């Protein structure tokens, strides 16, 4: 039922399903396969934030989500969750690290890795 909710049309349902799936599914590979597409730019901000928050739990195993998470850095409302997940994953590619380092918080200071 939760997997069906991840594909639901309503953003609130998809966001809640992402959180629930990470909390109850014992198979990490299944969770990662379901959540990774939810950080793509075609999703609502609420869905991307909830998915990024859930993906942070999986650390380096969530590496496939890095491109979507890096894209989230461009939106102020999504930046915090994206940065948290990226730190947990441990970004290793130079372009992704450069994108993370280029992000500034609202006070004008660089975010710390």
PDB file of N, CA and C in Angstrom:
ATOM      1  N   UNK A   1       0.818  -1.183   0.000  1.00  0.00           N
ATOM      2  CA  UNK A   1       0.000   0.000   0.000  1.00  0.00           C
ATOM      3  C   UNK A   1       0.881   1.273   0.000  1.00  0.00           C
ATOM      4  N   UNK A   2       1.983   1.230   0.757  1.00  0.00           N
ATOM      5  CA  UNK A   2       2.854   2.403   0.805  1.00  0.00           C
ATOM      6  C   UNK A   2       3.508   2.637  -0.556  1.00  0.00           C
ATOM      7  N   UNK A   3       3.885   1.566  -1.236  1.00  0.00           N
ATOM      8  CA  UNK A   3       4.497   1.725  -2.556  1.00  0.00           C
ATOM      9  C   UNK A   3       3.517   2.355  -3.544  1.00  0.00           C
ATOM     10  N   UNK A   4       2.247   2.021  -3.436  1.00  0.00           N
ATOM     11  CA  UNK A   4       1.233   2.646  -4.288  1.00  0.00           C
ATOM     12  C   UNK A   4       1.097   4.121  -3.949  1.00  0.00           C
ATOM     13  N   UNK A   5       1.185   4.455  -2.673  1.00  0.00           N
ATOM     14  CA  UNK A   5       1.069   5.846  -2.243  1.00  0.00           C
ATOM     15  C   UNK A   5       2.241   6.691  -2.745  1.00  0.00           C
ATOM     16  N   UNK A   6       3.415   6.088  -2.906  1.00  0.00           N
ATOM     17  CA  UNK A   6       4.586   6.803  -3.434  1.00  0.00           C
ATOM     18  C   UNK A   6       4.319   7.280  -4.863  1.00  0.00           C
ATOM     19  N   UNK A   7       3.459   6.572  -5.574  1.00  0.00           N
ATOM     20  CA  UNK A   7       3.133   6.928  -6.963  1.00  0.00           C
ATOM     21  C   UNK A   7       1.825   7.722  -7.075  1.00  0.00           C
ATOM     22  N   UNK A   8       1.216   8.031  -5.954  1.00  0.00           N
ATOM     23  CA  UNK A   8      -0.051   8.770  -5.923  1.00  0.00           C
ATOM     24  C   UNK A   8       0.123  10.153  -6.546  1.00  0.00           C
ATOM     25  N   UNK A   9      -0.944  10.692  -7.082  1.00  0.00           N
ATOM     26  CA  UNK A   9      -0.897  12.000  -7.730  1.00  0.00           C
ATOM     27  C   UNK A   9      -0.725  13.147  -6.728  1.00  0.00           C
ATOM     28  N   UNK A  10      -1.298  13.019  -5.559  1.00  0.00           N
ATOM     29  CA  UNK A  10      -1.275  14.085  -4.557  1.00  0.00           C
ATOM     30  C   UNK A  10       0.091  14.164  -3.875  1.00  0.00           C
ATOM     31  N   UNK A  11       0.688  15.340  -3.878  1.00  0.00           N
ATOM     32  CA  UNK A  11       2.023  15.532  -3.310  1.00  0.00           C
ATOM     33  C   UNK A  11       2.071  15.210  -1.822  1.00  0.00           C
ATOM     34  N   UNK A  12       1.037  15.586  -1.086  1.00  0.00           N
ATOM     35  CA  UNK A  12       1.019  15.297   0.354  1.00  0.00           C
ATOM     36  C   UNK A  12       1.070  13.798   0.622  1.00  0.00           C
ATOM     37  N   UNK A  13       0.371  13.044  -0.189  1.00  0.00           N
ATOM     38  CA  UNK A  13       0.359  11.581  -0.028  1.00  0.00           C
ATOM     39  C   UNK A  13       1.734  11.012  -0.360  1.00  0.00           C
ATOM     40  N   UNK A  14       2.335  11.479  -1.467  1.00  0.00           N
ATOM     41  CA  UNK A  14       3.666  10.985  -1.853  1.00  0.00           C
ATOM     42  C   UNK A  14       4.708  11.316  -0.795  1.00  0.00           C
ATOM     43  N   UNK A  15       4.660  12.519  -0.246  1.00  0.00           N
ATOM     44  CA  UNK A  15       5.620  12.932   0.785  1.00  0.00           C
ATOM     45  C   UNK A  15       5.471  12.075   2.043  1.00  0.00           C
ATOM     46  N   UNK A  16       4.244  11.857   2.470  1.00  0.00           N
ATOM     47  CA  UNK A  16       4.005  11.022   3.650  1.00  0.00           C
ATOM     48  C   UNK A  16       4.430   9.583   3.395  1.00  0.00           C
ATOM     49  N   UNK A  17       4.186   9.101   2.203  1.00  0.00           N
ATOM     50  CA  UNK A  17       4.570   7.729   1.855  1.00  0.00           C
ATOM     51  C   UNK A  17       6.088   7.570   1.857  1.00  0.00           C
ATOM     52  N   UNK A  18       6.806   8.571   1.400  1.00  0.00           N
ATOM     53  CA  UNK A  18       8.269   8.512   1.399  1.00  0.00           C
ATOM     54  C   UNK A  18       8.796   8.374   2.817  1.00  0.00           C
ATOM     55  N   UNK A  19       8.251   9.154   3.717  1.00  0.00           N
ATOM     56  CA  UNK A  19       8.656   9.090   5.119  1.00  0.00           C
ATOM     57  C   UNK A  19       8.307   7.740   5.728  1.00  0.00           C
ATOM     58  N   UNK A  20       7.095   7.268   5.486  1.00  0.00           N
ATOM     59  CA  UNK A  20       6.648   5.994   6.038  1.00  0.00           C
ATOM     60  C   UNK A  20       7.457   4.826   5.482  1.00  0.00           C
ATOM     61  N   UNK A  21       7.732   4.866   4.209  1.00  0.00           N
ATOM     62  CA  UNK A  21       8.478   3.778   3.575  1.00  0.00           C
ATOM     63  C   UNK A  21       9.863   3.619   4.202  1.00  0.00           C
ATOM     64  N   UNK A  22      10.541   4.721   4.412  1.00  0.00           N
ATOM     65  CA  UNK A  22      11.872   4.661   5.028  1.00  0.00           C
ATOM     66  C   UNK A  22      11.799   4.162   6.467  1.00  0.00           C
ATOM     67  N   UNK A  23      10.673   4.378   7.115  1.00  0.00           N
ATOM     68  CA  UNK A  23      10.527   3.966   8.515  1.00  0.00           C
ATOM     69  C   UNK A  23      10.189   2.488   8.674  1.00  0.00           C
ATOM     70  N   UNK A  24       9.490   1.893   7.704  1.00  0.00           N
ATOM     71  CA  UNK A  24       8.995   0.529   7.911  1.00  0.00           C
ATOM     72  C   UNK A  24       9.576  -0.537   6.993  1.00  0.00           C
ATOM     73  N   UNK A  25      10.106  -0.172   5.849  1.00  0.00           N
ATOM     74  CA  UNK A  25      10.593  -1.176   4.886  1.00  0.00           C
ATOM     75  C   UNK A  25      11.976  -1.666   5.298  1.00  0.00           C
ATOM     76  N   UNK A  26      12.129  -2.972   5.547  1.00  0.00           N
ATOM     77  CA  UNK A  26      13.431  -3.495   5.954  1.00  0.00           C
ATOM     78  C   UNK A  26      14.421  -3.674   4.791  1.00  0.00           C
ATOM     79  N   UNK A  27      13.924  -3.687   3.564  1.00  0.00           N
ATOM     80  CA  UNK A  27      14.791  -3.898   2.397  1.00  0.00           C
ATOM     81  C   UNK A  27      15.274  -2.539   1.871  1.00  0.00           C
ATOM     82  N   UNK A  28      16.514  -2.199   2.228  1.00  0.00           N
ATOM     83  CA  UNK A  28      17.061  -0.896   1.835  1.00  0.00           C
ATOM     84  C   UNK A  28      17.044  -0.683   0.327  1.00  0.00           C
ATOM     85  N   UNK A  29      17.347  -1.708  -0.435  1.00  0.00           N
ATOM     86  CA  UNK A  29      17.386  -1.560  -1.895  1.00  0.00           C
ATOM     87  C   UNK A  29      16.025  -1.160  -2.453  1.00  0.00           C
ATOM     88  N   UNK A  30      14.958  -1.721  -1.910  1.00  0.00           N
ATOM     89  CA  UNK A  30      13.612  -1.367  -2.367  1.00  0.00           C
ATOM     90  C   UNK A  30      13.279   0.086  -2.020  1.00  0.00           C
ATOM     91  N   UNK A  31      13.660   0.495  -0.823  1.00  0.00           N
ATOM     92  CA  UNK A  31      13.387   1.876  -0.405  1.00  0.00           C
ATOM     93  C   UNK A  31      14.148   2.843  -1.293  1.00  0.00           C
ATOM     94  N   UNK A  32      15.417   2.561  -1.518  1.00  0.00           N
ATOM     95  CA  UNK A  32      16.238   3.459  -2.339  1.00  0.00           C
ATOM     96  C   UNK A  32      15.703   3.542  -3.762  1.00  0.00           C
ATOM     97  N   UNK A  33      15.260   2.433  -4.312  1.00  0.00           N
ATOM     98  CA  UNK A  33      14.702   2.437  -5.673  1.00  0.00           C
ATOM     99  C   UNK A  33      13.421   3.261  -5.742  1.00  0.00           C
ATOM    100  N   UNK A  34      12.648   3.257  -4.672  1.00  0.00           N
ATOM    101  CA  UNK A  34      11.395   4.018  -4.661  1.00  0.00           C
ATOM    102  C   UNK A  34      11.616   5.500  -4.380  1.00  0.00           C
ATOM    103  N   UNK A  35      12.587   5.822  -3.519  1.00  0.00           N
ATOM    104  CA  UNK A  35      12.778   7.214  -3.102  1.00  0.00           C
ATOM    105  C   UNK A  35      13.679   8.031  -4.026  1.00  0.00           C
ATOM    106  N   UNK A  36      14.651   7.402  -4.642  1.00  0.00           N
ATOM    107  CA  UNK A  36      15.599   8.143  -5.484  1.00  0.00           C
ATOM    108  C   UNK A  36      14.903   8.978  -6.563  1.00  0.00           C
ATOM    109  N   UNK A  37      13.912   8.443  -7.281  1.00  0.00           N
ATOM    110  CA  UNK A  37      13.244   9.286  -8.294  1.00  0.00           C
ATOM    111  C   UNK A  37      12.456  10.452  -7.696  1.00  0.00           C
ATOM    112  N   UNK A  38      12.155  10.391  -6.419  1.00  0.00           N
ATOM    113  CA  UNK A  38      11.335  11.436  -5.806  1.00  0.00           C
ATOM    114  C   UNK A  38      12.102  12.715  -5.505  1.00  0.00           C
ATOM    115  N   UNK A  39      13.421  12.722  -5.670  1.00  0.00           N
ATOM    116  CA  UNK A  39      14.172  13.968  -5.488  1.00  0.00           C
ATOM    117  C   UNK A  39      14.417  14.674  -6.816  1.00  0.00           C
ATOM    118  N   UNK A  40      13.869  14.138  -7.897  1.00  0.00           N
ATOM    119  CA  UNK A  40      14.018  14.770  -9.211  1.00  0.00           C
ATOM    120  C   UNK A  40      13.182  16.032  -9.305  1.00  0.00           C
ATOM    121  N   UNK A  41      13.579  16.912 -10.189  1.00  0.00           N
ATOM    122  CA  UNK A  41      12.940  18.222 -10.302  1.00  0.00           C
ATOM    123  C   UNK A  41      11.486  18.163 -10.745  1.00  0.00           C
ATOM    124  N   UNK A  42      11.017  17.049 -11.261  1.00  0.00           N
ATOM    125  CA  UNK A  42       9.626  16.937 -11.687  1.00  0.00           C
ATOM    126  C   UNK A  42       8.653  16.758 -10.531  1.00  0.00           C
ATOM    127  N   UNK A  43       9.163  16.578  -9.340  1.00  0.00           N
ATOM    128  CA  UNK A  43       8.333  16.379  -8.149  1.00  0.00           C
ATOM    129  C   UNK A  43       8.082  17.716  -7.444  1.00  0.00           C
ATOM    130  N   UNK A  44       7.101  17.743  -6.568  1.00  0.00           N
ATOM    131  CA  UNK A  44       6.850  18.966  -5.798  1.00  0.00           C
ATOM    132  C   UNK A  44       7.942  19.127  -4.741  1.00  0.00           C
ATOM    133  N   UNK A  45       8.120  20.338  -4.261  1.00  0.00           N
ATOM    134  CA  UNK A  45       9.122  20.611  -3.235  1.00  0.00           C
ATOM    135  C   UNK A  45       8.879  19.809  -1.971  1.00  0.00           C
ATOM    136  N   UNK A  46       7.628  19.652  -1.603  1.00  0.00           N
ATOM    137  CA  UNK A  46       7.292  18.883  -0.403  1.00  0.00           C
ATOM    138  C   UNK A  46       7.751  17.434  -0.545  1.00  0.00           C
ATOM    139  N   UNK A  47       7.547  16.849  -1.708  1.00  0.00           N
ATOM    140  CA  UNK A  47       7.955  15.465  -1.964  1.00  0.00           C
ATOM    141  C   UNK A  47       9.477  15.366  -1.975  1.00  0.00           C
ATOM    142  N   UNK A  48      10.140  16.317  -2.623  1.00  0.00           N
ATOM    143  CA  UNK A  48      11.610  16.289  -2.678  1.00  0.00           C
ATOM    144  C   UNK A  48      12.211  16.416  -1.274  1.00  0.00           C
ATOM    145  N   UNK A  49      11.670  17.326  -0.465  1.00  0.00           N
ATOM    146  CA  UNK A  49      12.195  17.503   0.899  1.00  0.00           C
ATOM    147  C   UNK A  49      11.994  16.254   1.746  1.00  0.00           C
ATOM    148  N   UNK A  50      10.812  15.672   1.705  1.00  0.00           N
ATOM    149  CA  UNK A  50      10.539  14.461   2.494  1.00  0.00           C
ATOM    150  C   UNK A  50      11.429  13.308   2.034  1.00  0.00           C
ATOM    151  N   UNK A  51      11.621  13.186   0.740  1.00  0.00           N
ATOM    152  CA  UNK A  51      12.448  12.112   0.200  1.00  0.00           C
ATOM    153  C   UNK A  51      13.914  12.315   0.550  1.00  0.00           C
ATOM    154  N   UNK A  52      14.389  13.545   0.458  1.00  0.00           N
ATOM    155  CA  UNK A  52      15.779  13.836   0.823  1.00  0.00           C
ATOM    156  C   UNK A  52      16.013  13.525   2.295  1.00  0.00           C
ATOM    157  N   UNK A  53      15.066  13.904   3.127  1.00  0.00           N
ATOM    158  CA  UNK A  53      15.175  13.624   4.555  1.00  0.00           C
ATOM    159  C   UNK A  53      15.269  12.111   4.796  1.00  0.00           C
ATOM    160  N   UNK A  54      14.422  11.356   4.116  1.00  0.00           N
ATOM    161  CA  UNK A  54      14.423   9.902   4.264  1.00  0.00           C
ATOM    162  C   UNK A  54      15.706   9.283   3.709  1.00  0.00           C
ATOM    163  N   UNK A  55      16.196   9.791   2.593  1.00  0.00           N
ATOM    164  CA  UNK A  55      17.404   9.237   1.967  1.00  0.00           C
ATOM    165  C   UNK A  55      18.648   9.438   2.824  1.00  0.00           C
ATOM    166  N   UNK A  56      18.675  10.470   3.634  1.00  0.00           N
ATOM    167  CA  UNK A  56      19.840  10.729   4.485  1.00  0.00           C
ATOM    168  C   UNK A  56      20.136   9.549   5.399  1.00  0.00           C
ATOM    169  N   UNK A  57      19.123   8.810   5.749  1.00  0.00           N
ATOM    170  CA  UNK A  57      19.257   7.642   6.623  1.00  0.00           C
ATOM    171  C   UNK A  57      20.154   6.552   6.013  1.00  0.00           C
ATOM    172  N   UNK A  58      20.251   6.503   4.698  1.00  0.00           N
ATOM    173  CA  UNK A  58      20.937   5.414   4.005  1.00  0.00           C
ATOM    174  C   UNK A  58      22.392   5.705   3.663  1.00  0.00           C
ATOM    175  N   UNK A  59      22.857   6.895   3.958  1.00  0.00           N
ATOM    176  CA  UNK A  59      24.259   7.240   3.747  1.00  0.00           C
ATOM    177  C   UNK A  59      24.734   6.939   2.336  1.00  0.00           C
ATOM    178  N   UNK A  60      25.946   6.402   2.195  1.00  0.00           N
ATOM    179  CA  UNK A  60      26.531   6.154   0.873  1.00  0.00           C
ATOM    180  C   UNK A  60      25.696   5.247  -0.032  1.00  0.00           C
ATOM    181  N   UNK A  61      24.828   4.429   0.519  1.00  0.00           N
ATOM    182  CA  UNK A  61      23.981   3.563  -0.307  1.00  0.00           C
ATOM    183  C   UNK A  61      23.014   4.372  -1.173  1.00  0.00           C
ATOM    184  N   UNK A  62      22.758   5.620  -0.811  1.00  0.00           N
ATOM    185  CA  UNK A  62      21.833   6.482  -1.556  1.00  0.00           C
ATOM    186  C   UNK A  62      22.539   7.317  -2.621  1.00  0.00           C
ATOM    187  N   UNK A  63      23.743   6.932  -2.979  1.00  0.00           N
ATOM    188  CA  UNK A  63      24.548   7.701  -3.934  1.00  0.00           C
ATOM    189  C   UNK A  63      23.819   8.006  -5.249  1.00  0.00           C
ATOM    190  N   UNK A  64      22.933   7.139  -5.692  1.00  0.00           N
ATOM    191  CA  UNK A  64      22.211   7.374  -6.953  1.00  0.00           C
ATOM    192  C   UNK A  64      21.328   8.620  -6.894  1.00  0.00           C
ATOM    193  N   UNK A  65      21.006   9.086  -5.712  1.00  0.00           N
ATOM    194  CA  UNK A  65      20.151  10.267  -5.559  1.00  0.00           C
ATOM    195  C   UNK A  65      20.925  11.578  -5.633  1.00  0.00           C
ATOM    196  N   UNK A  66      22.249  11.517  -5.673  1.00  0.00           N
ATOM    197  CA  UNK A  66      23.074  12.735  -5.636  1.00  0.00           C
ATOM    198  C   UNK A  66      22.704  13.748  -6.726  1.00  0.00           C
ATOM    199  N   UNK A  67      22.529  13.369  -7.990  1.00  0.00           N
ATOM    200  CA  UNK A  67      22.186  14.396  -8.987  1.00  0.00           C
ATOM    201  C   UNK A  67      20.915  15.170  -8.645  1.00  0.00           C
ATOM    202  N   UNK A  68      19.878  14.476  -8.209  1.00  0.00           N
ATOM    203  CA  UNK A  68      18.640  15.158  -7.826  1.00  0.00           C
ATOM    204  C   UNK A  68      18.826  16.042  -6.610  1.00  0.00           C
ATOM    205  N   UNK A  69      19.603  15.555  -5.648  1.00  0.00           N
ATOM    206  CA  UNK A  69      19.860  16.334  -4.436  1.00  0.00           C
ATOM    207  C   UNK A  69      20.666  17.592  -4.741  1.00  0.00           C
ATOM    208  N   UNK A  70      21.642  17.488  -5.629  1.00  0.00           N
ATOM    209  CA  UNK A  70      22.443  18.657  -6.014  1.00  0.00           C
ATOM    210  C   UNK A  70      21.544  19.697  -6.687  1.00  0.00           C
ATOM    211  N   UNK A  71      20.611  19.254  -7.496  1.00  0.00           N
ATOM    212  CA  UNK A  71      19.670  20.183  -8.135  1.00  0.00           C
ATOM    213  C   UNK A  71      18.825  20.903  -7.086  1.00  0.00           C
ATOM    214  N   UNK A  72      18.483  20.198  -5.998  1.00  0.00           N
ATOM    215  CA  UNK A  72      17.686  20.814  -4.928  1.00  0.00           C
ATOM    216  C   UNK A  72      18.412  21.964  -4.250  1.00  0.00           C
ATOM    217  N   UNK A  73      19.730  22.008  -4.333  1.00  0.00           N
ATOM    218  CA  UNK A  73      20.498  23.091  -3.698  1.00  0.00           C
ATOM    219  C   UNK A  73      20.139  24.459  -4.263  1.00  0.00           C
ATOM    220  N   UNK A  74      19.594  24.494  -5.469  1.00  0.00           N
ATOM    221  CA  UNK A  74      19.244  25.762  -6.107  1.00  0.00           C
ATOM    222  C   UNK A  74      18.008  26.422  -5.514  1.00  0.00           C
ATOM    223  N   UNK A  75      17.212  25.666  -4.763  1.00  0.00           N
ATOM    224  CA  UNK A  75      15.986  26.215  -4.176  1.00  0.00           C
ATOM    225  C   UNK A  75      16.185  26.414  -2.683  1.00  0.00           C
ATOM    226  N   UNK A  76      16.005  27.633  -2.232  1.00  0.00           N
ATOM    227  CA  UNK A  76      16.233  27.972  -0.832  1.00  0.00           C
ATOM    228  C   UNK A  76      15.399  27.099   0.114  1.00  0.00           C
ATOM    229  N   UNK A  77      14.166  26.790  -0.276  1.00  0.00           N
ATOM    230  CA  UNK A  77      13.284  26.008   0.595  1.00  0.00           C
ATOM    231  C   UNK A  77      13.667  24.529   0.660  1.00  0.00           C
ATOM    232  N   UNK A  78      14.507  24.072  -0.256  1.00  0.00           N
ATOM    233  CA  UNK A  78      14.902  22.661  -0.306  1.00  0.00           C
ATOM    234  C   UNK A  78      16.362  22.442   0.082  1.00  0.00           C
ATOM    235  N   UNK A  79      17.093  23.521   0.163  1.00  0.00           N
ATOM    236  CA  UNK A  79      18.539  23.464   0.359  1.00  0.00           C
ATOM    237  C   UNK A  79      18.961  22.718   1.628  1.00  0.00           C
ATOM    238  N   UNK A  80      18.305  22.968   2.727  1.00  0.00           N
ATOM    239  CA  UNK A  80      18.685  22.358   3.998  1.00  0.00           C
ATOM    240  C   UNK A  80      18.599  20.845   3.981  1.00  0.00           C
ATOM    241  N   UNK A  81      17.474  20.319   3.508  1.00  0.00           N
ATOM    242  CA  UNK A  81      17.317  18.859   3.444  1.00  0.00           C
ATOM    243  C   UNK A  81      18.274  18.241   2.427  1.00  0.00           C
ATOM    244  N   UNK A  82      18.468  18.925   1.316  1.00  0.00           N
ATOM    245  CA  UNK A  82      19.396  18.404   0.304  1.00  0.00           C
ATOM    246  C   UNK A  82      20.810  18.345   0.854  1.00  0.00           C
ATOM    247  N   UNK A  83      21.238  19.401   1.522  1.00  0.00           N
ATOM    248  CA  UNK A  83      22.591  19.440   2.072  1.00  0.00           C
ATOM    249  C   UNK A  83      22.772  18.363   3.138  1.00  0.00           C
ATOM    250  N   UNK A  84      21.774  18.188   3.978  1.00  0.00           N
ATOM    251  CA  UNK A  84      21.836  17.162   5.017  1.00  0.00           C
ATOM    252  C   UNK A  84      22.010  15.777   4.393  1.00  0.00           C
ATOM    253  N   UNK A  85      21.230  15.484   3.359  1.00  0.00           N
ATOM    254  CA  UNK A  85      21.320  14.187   2.690  1.00  0.00           C
ATOM    255  C   UNK A  85      22.668  14.021   1.988  1.00  0.00           C
ATOM    256  N   UNK A  86      23.126  15.070   1.320  1.00  0.00           N
ATOM    257  CA  UNK A  86      24.413  14.992   0.618  1.00  0.00           C
ATOM    258  C   UNK A  86      25.561  14.759   1.593  1.00  0.00           C
ATOM    259  N   UNK A  87      25.507  15.396   2.741  1.00  0.00           N
ATOM    260  CA  UNK A  87      26.545  15.178   3.754  1.00  0.00           C
ATOM    261  C   UNK A  87      26.525  13.737   4.229  1.00  0.00           C
ATOM    262  N   UNK A  88      25.345  13.199   4.423  1.00  0.00           N
ATOM    263  CA  UNK A  88      25.201  11.812   4.882  1.00  0.00           C
ATOM    264  C   UNK A  88      25.713  10.824   3.833  1.00  0.00           C
ATOM    265  N   UNK A  89      25.433  11.111   2.582  1.00  0.00           N
ATOM    266  CA  UNK A  89      25.847  10.223   1.487  1.00  0.00           C
ATOM    267  C   UNK A  89      27.354  10.271   1.298  1.00  0.00           C
ATOM    268  N   UNK A  90      27.947  11.439   1.488  1.00  0.00           N
ATOM    269  CA  UNK A  90      29.386  11.581   1.301  1.00  0.00           C
ATOM    270  C   UNK A  90      29.733  11.767  -0.166  1.00  0.00           C
ATOM    271  N   UNK A  91      29.408  12.914  -0.701  1.00  0.00           N
ATOM    272  CA  UNK A  91      29.627  13.216  -2.114  1.00  0.00           C
ATOM    273  C   UNK A  91      31.103  13.122  -2.459  1.00  0.00           C
ATOM    274  N   UNK A  92      31.399  12.503  -3.587  1.00  0.00           N
ATOM    275  CA  UNK A  92      32.783  12.262  -3.976  1.00  0.00           C
ATOM    276  C   UNK A  92      33.194  12.892  -5.308  1.00  0.00           C
ATOM    277  N   UNK A  93      32.243  13.297  -6.138  1.00  0.00           N
ATOM    278  CA  UNK A  93      32.619  13.837  -7.442  1.00  0.00           C
ATOM    279  C   UNK A  93      32.896  15.332  -7.338  1.00  0.00           C
ATOM    280  N   UNK A  94      33.874  15.787  -8.071  1.00  0.00           N
ATOM    281  CA  UNK A  94      34.273  17.189  -8.019  1.00  0.00           C
ATOM    282  C   UNK A  94      33.135  18.137  -8.411  1.00  0.00           C
ATOM    283  N   UNK A  95      32.421  17.906  -9.509  1.00  0.00           N
ATOM    284  CA  UNK A  95      31.343  18.846  -9.854  1.00  0.00           C
ATOM    285  C   UNK A  95      30.274  18.949  -8.764  1.00  0.00           C
ATOM    286  N   UNK A  96      29.928  17.824  -8.141  1.00  0.00           N
ATOM    287  CA  UNK A  96      28.927  17.860  -7.084  1.00  0.00           C
ATOM    288  C   UNK A  96      29.456  18.581  -5.844  1.00  0.00           C
ATOM    289  N   UNK A  97      30.713  18.362  -5.515  1.00  0.00           N
ATOM    290  CA  UNK A  97      31.316  19.071  -4.382  1.00  0.00           C
ATOM    291  C   UNK A  97      31.381  20.569  -4.642  1.00  0.00           C
ATOM    292  N   UNK A  98      31.715  20.948  -5.865  1.00  0.00           N
ATOM    293  CA  UNK A  98      31.768  22.370  -6.224  1.00  0.00           C
ATOM    294  C   UNK A  98      30.381  22.991  -6.073  1.00  0.00           C
ATOM    295  N   UNK A  99      29.352  22.272  -6.519  1.00  0.00           N
ATOM    296  CA  UNK A  99      27.981  22.783  -6.385  1.00  0.00           C
ATOM    297  C   UNK A  99      27.621  22.963  -4.919  1.00  0.00           C
ATOM    298  N   UNK A 100      28.005  22.014  -4.075  1.00  0.00           N
ATOM    299  CA  UNK A 100      27.712  22.132  -2.641  1.00  0.00           C
ATOM    300  C   UNK A 100      28.446  23.315  -2.018  1.00  0.00           C
ATOM    301  N   UNK A 101      29.694  23.482  -2.375  1.00  0.00           N
ATOM    302  CA  UNK A 101      30.499  24.558  -1.797  1.00  0.00           C
ATOM    303  C   UNK A 101      30.051  25.937  -2.265  1.00  0.00           C
ATOM    304  N   UNK A 102      29.422  26.001  -3.424  1.00  0.00           N
ATOM    305  CA  UNK A 102      28.976  27.285  -3.975  1.00  0.00           C
ATOM    306  C   UNK A 102      27.705  27.790  -3.304  1.00  0.00           C
ATOM    307  N   UNK A 103      27.013  26.932  -2.572  1.00  0.00           N
ATOM    308  CA  UNK A 103      25.756  27.321  -1.935  1.00  0.00           C
ATOM    309  C   UNK A 103      26.030  28.240  -0.756  1.00  0.00           C
ATOM    310  N   UNK A 104      25.266  29.301  -0.691  1.00  0.00           N
ATOM    311  CA  UNK A 104      25.372  30.238   0.432  1.00  0.00           C
ATOM    312  C   UNK A 104      24.065  30.205   1.203  1.00  0.00           C
ATOM    313  N   UNK A 105      24.177  30.355   2.506  1.00  0.00           N
ATOM    314  CA  UNK A 105      22.952  30.423   3.306  1.00  0.00           C
ATOM    315  C   UNK A 105      22.423  31.855   3.251  1.00  0.00           C
ATOM    316  N   UNK A 106      21.219  32.098   3.763  1.00  0.00           N
ATOM    317  CA  UNK A 106      20.625  33.445   3.650  1.00  0.00           C
ATOM    318  C   UNK A 106      21.462  34.552   4.280  1.00  0.00           C
ATOM    319  N   UNK A 107      22.340  34.239   5.216  1.00  0.00           N
ATOM    320  CA  UNK A 107      23.175  35.262   5.864  1.00  0.00           C
ATOM    321  C   UNK A 107      24.433  35.556   5.063  1.00  0.00           C
ATOM    322  N   UNK A 108      24.614  34.843   3.935  1.00  0.00           N
ATOM    323  CA  UNK A 108      25.753  35.114   3.075  1.00  0.00           C
ATOM    324  C   UNK A 108      26.985  34.273   3.355  1.00  0.00           C
ATOM    325  N   UNK A 109      26.917  33.380   4.317  1.00  0.00           N
ATOM    326  CA  UNK A 109      28.071  32.528   4.627  1.00  0.00           C
ATOM    327  C   UNK A 109      27.965  31.216   3.880  1.00  0.00           C
ATOM    328  N   UNK A 110      29.119  30.626   3.533  1.00  0.00           N
ATOM    329  CA  UNK A 110      29.119  29.318   2.885  1.00  0.00           C
ATOM    330  C   UNK A 110      28.628  28.264   3.848  1.00  0.00           C
ATOM    331  N   UNK A 111      27.888  27.295   3.316  1.00  0.00           N
ATOM    332  CA  UNK A 111      27.482  26.160   4.153  1.00  0.00           C
ATOM    333  C   UNK A 111      28.684  25.273   4.413  1.00  0.00           C
ATOM    334  N   UNK A 112      28.758  24.759   5.586  1.00  0.00           N
ATOM    335  CA  UNK A 112      29.889  23.903   5.942  1.00  0.00           C
ATOM    336  C   UNK A 112      29.596  22.456   5.596  1.00  0.00           C
ATOM    337  N   UNK A 113      30.599  21.758   5.081  1.00  0.00           N
ATOM    338  CA  UNK A 113      30.441  20.328   4.771  1.00  0.00           C
ATOM    339  C   UNK A 113      30.786  19.500   5.940  1.00  0.00           C
TER     340      UNK A 113
END
